[in-house]
PDB file of all heavy atoms in Angstrom:
ATOM      1  N   ILE A   1       0.859  -1.183   0.000  1.00  0.00           N
ATOM      2  CA  ILE A   1       0.000   0.000   0.000  1.00  0.00           C
ATOM      3  C   ILE A   1       0.893   1.230   0.000  1.00  0.00           C
ATOM      4  O   ILE A   1       1.827   1.317   0.808  1.00  0.00           O
ATOM      5  CB  ILE A   1      -0.922   0.036   1.232  1.00  0.00           C
ATOM      6  CG1 ILE A   1      -1.794  -1.223   1.283  1.00  0.00           C
ATOM      7  CG2 ILE A   1      -1.788   1.298   1.217  1.00  0.00           C
ATOM      8  CD1 ILE A   1      -2.593  -1.363   2.566  1.00  0.00           C
ATOM      9  N   PHE A   2       0.609   2.153  -0.919  1.00  0.00           N
ATOM     10  CA  PHE A   2       1.378   3.393  -0.942  1.00  0.00           C
ATOM     11  C   PHE A   2       0.507   4.559  -1.345  1.00  0.00           C
ATOM     12  O   PHE A   2      -0.513   4.394  -2.013  1.00  0.00           O
ATOM     13  CB  PHE A   2       2.612   3.284  -1.855  1.00  0.00           C
ATOM     14  CG  PHE A   2       2.319   2.934  -3.279  1.00  0.00           C
ATOM     15  CD1 PHE A   2       2.206   3.922  -4.239  1.00  0.00           C
ATOM     16  CD2 PHE A   2       2.187   1.616  -3.672  1.00  0.00           C
ATOM     17  CE1 PHE A   2       1.955   3.599  -5.562  1.00  0.00           C
ATOM     18  CE2 PHE A   2       1.947   1.284  -4.997  1.00  0.00           C
ATOM     19  CZ  PHE A   2       1.822   2.289  -5.943  1.00  0.00           C
ATOM     20  N   ASP A   3       0.908   5.743  -0.879  1.00  0.00           N
ATOM     21  CA  ASP A   3       0.234   6.996  -1.216  1.00  0.00           C
ATOM     22  C   ASP A   3       1.085   7.766  -2.200  1.00  0.00           C
ATOM     23  O   ASP A   3       2.322   7.706  -2.135  1.00  0.00           O
ATOM     24  CB  ASP A   3       0.043   7.869   0.032  1.00  0.00           C
ATOM     25  CG  ASP A   3      -1.022   7.343   0.968  1.00  0.00           C
ATOM     26  OD1 ASP A   3      -1.938   6.649   0.511  1.00  0.00           O
ATOM     27  OD2 ASP A   3      -0.942   7.660   2.171  1.00  0.00           O
ATOM     28  N   GLN A   4       0.420   8.492  -3.081  1.00  0.00           N
ATOM     29  CA  GLN A   4       1.126   9.390  -3.989  1.00  0.00           C
ATOM     30  C   GLN A   4       0.432  10.743  -3.991  1.00  0.00           C
ATOM     31  O   GLN A   4      -0.796  10.815  -3.927  1.00  0.00           O
ATOM     32  CB  GLN A   4       1.182   8.830  -5.416  1.00  0.00           C
ATOM     33  CG  GLN A   4       2.056   7.604  -5.503  1.00  0.00           C
ATOM     34  CD  GLN A   4       2.332   7.171  -6.915  1.00  0.00           C
ATOM     35  OE1 GLN A   4       1.431   7.043  -7.729  1.00  0.00           O
ATOM     36  NE2 GLN A   4       3.594   6.929  -7.205  1.00  0.00           N
ATOM     37  N   TRP A   5       1.253  11.795  -4.044  1.00  0.00           N
ATOM     38  CA  TRP A   5       0.781  13.164  -4.169  1.00  0.00           C
ATOM     39  C   TRP A   5       1.304  13.678  -5.490  1.00  0.00           C
ATOM     40  O   TRP A   5       2.519  13.672  -5.737  1.00  0.00           O
ATOM     41  CB  TRP A   5       1.288  14.018  -3.006  1.00  0.00           C
ATOM     42  CG  TRP A   5       0.675  13.619  -1.707  1.00  0.00           C
ATOM     43  CD1 TRP A   5      -0.443  14.159  -1.137  1.00  0.00           C
ATOM     44  CD2 TRP A   5       1.117  12.601  -0.808  1.00  0.00           C
ATOM     45  NE1 TRP A   5      -0.712  13.535   0.065  1.00  0.00           N
ATOM     46  CE2 TRP A   5       0.234  12.574   0.281  1.00  0.00           C
ATOM     47  CE3 TRP A   5       2.187  11.694  -0.832  1.00  0.00           C
ATOM     48  CZ2 TRP A   5       0.382  11.696   1.340  1.00  0.00           C
ATOM     49  CZ3 TRP A   5       2.335  10.813   0.229  1.00  0.00           C
ATOM     50  CH2 TRP A   5       1.438  10.826   1.297  1.00  0.00           C
ATOM     51  N   CYS A   6       0.383  14.095  -6.361  1.00  0.00           N
ATOM     52  CA  CYS A   6       0.734  14.466  -7.730  1.00  0.00           C
ATOM     53  C   CYS A   6       0.337  15.906  -8.009  1.00  0.00           C
ATOM     54  O   CYS A   6      -0.791  16.315  -7.716  1.00  0.00           O
ATOM     55  CB  CYS A   6       0.013  13.560  -8.728  1.00  0.00           C
ATOM     56  SG  CYS A   6       0.259  11.794  -8.425  1.00  0.00           S
ATOM     57  N   GLU A   7       1.251  16.640  -8.596  1.00  0.00           N
ATOM     58  CA  GLU A   7       0.960  17.996  -9.029  1.00  0.00           C
ATOM     59  C   GLU A   7       0.054  17.935 -10.259  1.00  0.00           C
ATOM     60  O   GLU A   7      -0.008  16.905 -10.940  1.00  0.00           O
ATOM     61  CB  GLU A   7       2.264  18.722  -9.373  1.00  0.00           C
ATOM     62  CG  GLU A   7       3.172  18.920  -8.181  1.00  0.00           C
ATOM     63  CD  GLU A   7       4.511  19.531  -8.554  1.00  0.00           C
ATOM     64  OE1 GLU A   7       4.722  19.897  -9.737  1.00  0.00           O
ATOM     65  OE2 GLU A   7       5.355  19.629  -7.652  1.00  0.00           O
ATOM     66  N   PRO A   8      -0.671  19.027 -10.562  1.00  0.00           N
ATOM     67  CA  PRO A   8      -1.516  19.031 -11.763  1.00  0.00           C
ATOM     68  C   PRO A   8      -0.725  18.608 -13.006  1.00  0.00           C
ATOM     69  O   PRO A   8       0.413  19.022 -13.195  1.00  0.00           O
ATOM     70  CB  PRO A   8      -1.976  20.484 -11.861  1.00  0.00           C
ATOM     71  CG  PRO A   8      -1.990  20.950 -10.436  1.00  0.00           C
ATOM     72  CD  PRO A   8      -0.779  20.280  -9.808  1.00  0.00           C
ATOM     73  N   GLY A   9      -1.331  17.731 -13.790  1.00  0.00           N
ATOM     74  CA  GLY A   9      -0.711  17.239 -15.019  1.00  0.00           C
ATOM     75  C   GLY A   9       0.216  16.061 -14.821  1.00  0.00           C
ATOM     76  O   GLY A   9       0.683  15.470 -15.791  1.00  0.00           O
ATOM     77  N   SER A  10       0.507  15.672 -13.580  1.00  0.00           N
ATOM     78  CA  SER A  10       1.415  14.541 -13.346  1.00  0.00           C
ATOM     79  C   SER A  10       0.617  13.346 -12.833  1.00  0.00           C
ATOM     80  O   SER A  10      -0.562  13.445 -12.510  1.00  0.00           O
ATOM     81  CB  SER A  10       2.518  14.930 -12.358  1.00  0.00           C
ATOM     82  OG  SER A  10       1.951  15.241 -11.105  1.00  0.00           O
ATOM     83  N   GLY A  11       1.279  12.193 -12.769  1.00  0.00           N
ATOM     84  CA  GLY A  11       0.631  10.974 -12.308  1.00  0.00           C
ATOM     85  C   GLY A  11       1.494   9.775 -12.600  1.00  0.00           C
ATOM     86  O   GLY A  11       2.717   9.839 -12.465  1.00  0.00           O
ATOM     87  N   ALA A  12       0.880   8.693 -13.024  1.00  0.00           N
ATOM     88  CA  ALA A  12       1.592   7.457 -13.346  1.00  0.00           C
ATOM     89  C   ALA A  12       1.373   7.113 -14.811  1.00  0.00           C
ATOM     90  O   ALA A  12       0.233   7.048 -15.273  1.00  0.00           O
ATOM     91  CB  ALA A  12       1.096   6.310 -12.464  1.00  0.00           C
ATOM     92  N   PRO A  13       2.461   6.870 -15.549  1.00  0.00           N
ATOM     93  CA  PRO A  13       2.317   6.493 -16.958  1.00  0.00           C
ATOM     94  C   PRO A  13       1.728   5.090 -17.084  1.00  0.00           C
ATOM     95  O   PRO A  13       1.640   4.347 -16.094  1.00  0.00           O
ATOM     96  CB  PRO A  13       3.761   6.533 -17.471  1.00  0.00           C
ATOM     97  CG  PRO A  13       4.591   6.255 -16.272  1.00  0.00           C
ATOM     98  CD  PRO A  13       3.855   6.881 -15.108  1.00  0.00           C
ATOM     99  N   LEU A  14       1.341   4.736 -18.291  1.00  0.00           N
ATOM    100  CA  LEU A  14       0.750   3.416 -18.522  1.00  0.00           C
ATOM    101  C   LEU A  14       1.722   2.313 -18.109  1.00  0.00           C
ATOM    102  O   LEU A  14       2.901   2.334 -18.457  1.00  0.00           O
ATOM    103  CB  LEU A  14       0.364   3.254 -19.988  1.00  0.00           C
ATOM    104  CG  LEU A  14      -0.804   4.126 -20.443  1.00  0.00           C
ATOM    105  CD1 LEU A  14      -1.019   3.980 -21.943  1.00  0.00           C
ATOM    106  CD2 LEU A  14      -2.084   3.792 -19.679  1.00  0.00           C
ATOM    107  N   HIS A  15       1.185   1.364 -17.315  1.00  0.00           N
ATOM    108  CA  HIS A  15       1.976   0.255 -16.808  1.00  0.00           C
ATOM    109  C   HIS A  15       1.034  -0.876 -16.427  1.00  0.00           C
ATOM    110  O   HIS A  15      -0.187  -0.726 -16.483  1.00  0.00           O
ATOM    111  CB  HIS A  15       2.816   0.689 -15.588  1.00  0.00           C
ATOM    112  CG  HIS A  15       1.995   1.117 -14.425  1.00  0.00           C
ATOM    113  ND1 HIS A  15       1.349   2.345 -14.358  1.00  0.00           N
ATOM    114  CD2 HIS A  15       1.686   0.470 -13.267  1.00  0.00           C
ATOM    115  CE1 HIS A  15       0.697   2.431 -13.219  1.00  0.00           C
ATOM    116  NE2 HIS A  15       0.878   1.313 -12.534  1.00  0.00           N
ATOM    117  N   LEU A  16       1.595  -2.002 -16.025  1.00  0.00           N
ATOM    118  CA  LEU A  16       0.769  -3.107 -15.544  1.00  0.00           C
ATOM    119  C   LEU A  16       1.485  -3.828 -14.415  1.00  0.00           C
ATOM    120  O   LEU A  16       2.692  -3.705 -14.244  1.00  0.00           O
ATOM    121  CB  LEU A  16       0.386  -4.063 -16.672  1.00  0.00           C
ATOM    122  CG  LEU A  16       1.500  -4.711 -17.489  1.00  0.00           C
ATOM    123  CD1 LEU A  16       1.980  -5.993 -16.835  1.00  0.00           C
ATOM    124  CD2 LEU A  16       0.993  -5.007 -18.889  1.00  0.00           C
ATOM    125  N   HIS A  17       0.688  -4.564 -13.645  1.00  0.00           N
ATOM    126  CA  HIS A  17       1.180  -5.397 -12.552  1.00  0.00           C
ATOM    127  C   HIS A  17       0.663  -6.811 -12.766  1.00  0.00           C
ATOM    128  O   HIS A  17      -0.365  -7.016 -13.407  1.00  0.00           O
ATOM    129  CB  HIS A  17       0.662  -4.905 -11.194  1.00  0.00           C
ATOM    130  CG  HIS A  17       0.874  -3.460 -10.945  1.00  0.00           C
ATOM    131  ND1 HIS A  17       2.088  -2.917 -10.600  1.00  0.00           N
ATOM    132  CD2 HIS A  17       0.005  -2.416 -10.982  1.00  0.00           C
ATOM    133  CE1 HIS A  17       1.965  -1.616 -10.431  1.00  0.00           C
ATOM    134  NE2 HIS A  17       0.703  -1.282 -10.669  1.00  0.00           N
ATOM    135  N   ALA A  18       1.331  -7.784 -12.166  1.00  0.00           N
ATOM    136  CA  ALA A  18       0.895  -9.179 -12.249  1.00  0.00           C
ATOM    137  C   ALA A  18      -0.259  -9.458 -11.290  1.00  0.00           C
ATOM    138  O   ALA A  18      -0.828 -10.547 -11.317  1.00  0.00           O
ATOM    139  CB  ALA A  18       2.062 -10.111 -11.939  1.00  0.00           C
ATOM    140  N   VAL A  19      -0.612  -8.474 -10.449  1.00  0.00           N
ATOM    141  CA  VAL A  19      -1.669  -8.649  -9.443  1.00  0.00           C
ATOM    142  C   VAL A  19      -2.699  -7.529  -9.563  1.00  0.00           C
ATOM    143  O   VAL A  19      -2.445  -6.511 -10.204  1.00  0.00           O
ATOM    144  CB  VAL A  19      -1.066  -8.657  -8.017  1.00  0.00           C
ATOM    145  CG1 VAL A  19      -0.114  -9.829  -7.843  1.00  0.00           C
ATOM    146  CG2 VAL A  19      -0.377  -7.341  -7.701  1.00  0.00           C
ATOM    147  N   GLU A  20      -3.847  -7.716  -8.917  1.00  0.00           N
ATOM    148  CA  GLU A  20      -4.863  -6.668  -8.865  1.00  0.00           C
ATOM    149  C   GLU A  20      -4.347  -5.444  -8.123  1.00  0.00           C
ATOM    150  O   GLU A  20      -3.507  -5.553  -7.232  1.00  0.00           O
ATOM    151  CB  GLU A  20      -6.100  -7.154  -8.092  1.00  0.00           C
ATOM    152  CG  GLU A  20      -7.005  -8.059  -8.849  1.00  0.00           C
ATOM    153  CD  GLU A  20      -8.240  -8.399  -8.027  1.00  0.00           C
ATOM    154  OE1 GLU A  20      -8.120  -8.612  -6.791  1.00  0.00           O
ATOM    155  OE2 GLU A  20      -9.321  -8.454  -8.628  1.00  0.00           O
ATOM    156  N   GLU A  21      -4.908  -4.300  -8.495  1.00  0.00           N
ATOM    157  CA  GLU A  21      -4.592  -3.051  -7.795  1.00  0.00           C
ATOM    158  C   GLU A  21      -5.880  -2.262  -7.618  1.00  0.00           C
ATOM    159  O   GLU A  21      -6.713  -2.195  -8.524  1.00  0.00           O
ATOM    160  CB  GLU A  21      -3.602  -2.222  -8.606  1.00  0.00           C
ATOM    161  CG  GLU A  21      -3.272  -0.883  -7.969  1.00  0.00           C
ATOM    162  CD  GLU A  21      -2.254  -0.074  -8.750  1.00  0.00           C
ATOM    163  OE1 GLU A  21      -1.988  -0.399  -9.932  1.00  0.00           O
ATOM    164  OE2 GLU A  21      -1.744   0.902  -8.186  1.00  0.00           O
ATOM    165  N   LEU A  22      -6.022  -1.644  -6.458  1.00  0.00           N
ATOM    166  CA  LEU A  22      -7.117  -0.724  -6.214  1.00  0.00           C
ATOM    167  C   LEU A  22      -6.520   0.677  -6.155  1.00  0.00           C
ATOM    168  O   LEU A  22      -5.634   0.938  -5.337  1.00  0.00           O
ATOM    169  CB  LEU A  22      -7.833  -1.031  -4.896  1.00  0.00           C
ATOM    170  CG  LEU A  22      -9.011  -0.108  -4.600  1.00  0.00           C
ATOM    171  CD1 LEU A  22     -10.173  -0.404  -5.541  1.00  0.00           C
ATOM    172  CD2 LEU A  22      -9.436  -0.219  -3.151  1.00  0.00           C
ATOM    173  N   LEU A  23      -6.966   1.572  -7.047  1.00  0.00           N
ATOM    174  CA  LEU A  23      -6.553   2.972  -7.031  1.00  0.00           C
ATOM    175  C   LEU A  23      -7.681   3.782  -6.411  1.00  0.00           C
ATOM    176  O   LEU A  23      -8.790   3.809  -6.945  1.00  0.00           O
ATOM    177  CB  LEU A  23      -6.286   3.482  -8.454  1.00  0.00           C
ATOM    178  CG  LEU A  23      -4.982   3.075  -9.092  1.00  0.00           C
ATOM    179  CD1 LEU A  23      -4.921   3.586 -10.530  1.00  0.00           C
ATOM    180  CD2 LEU A  23      -3.803   3.603  -8.300  1.00  0.00           C
ATOM    181  N   GLU A  24      -7.392   4.419  -5.296  1.00  0.00           N
ATOM    182  CA  GLU A  24      -8.389   5.186  -4.567  1.00  0.00           C
ATOM    183  C   GLU A  24      -7.972   6.652  -4.524  1.00  0.00           C
ATOM    184  O   GLU A  24      -6.840   6.969  -4.168  1.00  0.00           O
ATOM    185  CB  GLU A  24      -8.494   4.663  -3.139  1.00  0.00           C
ATOM    186  CG  GLU A  24      -9.445   5.429  -2.262  1.00  0.00           C
ATOM    187  CD  GLU A  24      -9.418   4.960  -0.821  1.00  0.00           C
ATOM    188  OE1 GLU A  24      -8.655   4.044  -0.479  1.00  0.00           O
ATOM    189  OE2 GLU A  24     -10.182   5.539  -0.025  1.00  0.00           O
ATOM    190  N   VAL A  25      -8.886   7.535  -4.904  1.00  0.00           N
ATOM    191  CA  VAL A  25      -8.622   8.970  -4.819  1.00  0.00           C
ATOM    192  C   VAL A  25      -8.979   9.423  -3.411  1.00  0.00           C
ATOM    193  O   VAL A  25     -10.114   9.269  -2.965  1.00  0.00           O
ATOM    194  CB  VAL A  25      -9.417   9.761  -5.880  1.00  0.00           C
ATOM    195  CG1 VAL A  25      -9.216  11.257  -5.695  1.00  0.00           C
ATOM    196  CG2 VAL A  25      -9.010   9.320  -7.284  1.00  0.00           C
ATOM    197  N   ILE A  26      -7.991   9.973  -2.715  1.00  0.00           N
ATOM    198  CA  ILE A  26      -8.189  10.495  -1.373  1.00  0.00           C
ATOM    199  C   ILE A  26      -8.601  11.969  -1.451  1.00  0.00           C
ATOM    200  O   ILE A  26      -9.490  12.426  -0.748  1.00  0.00           O
ATOM    201  CB  ILE A  26      -6.909  10.349  -0.522  1.00  0.00           C
ATOM    202  CG1 ILE A  26      -6.424   8.898  -0.501  1.00  0.00           C
ATOM    203  CG2 ILE A  26      -7.113  10.904   0.886  1.00  0.00           C
ATOM    204  CD1 ILE A  26      -7.365   7.912   0.133  1.00  0.00           C
TER     205      ILE A  26
END
């Protein structure tokens, strides 16, 4: 589990994992 703080226009580029992921907007 990890948190990310992103400035406007930034984030995570297209990628994949071998497992499920839940992305939650805080």
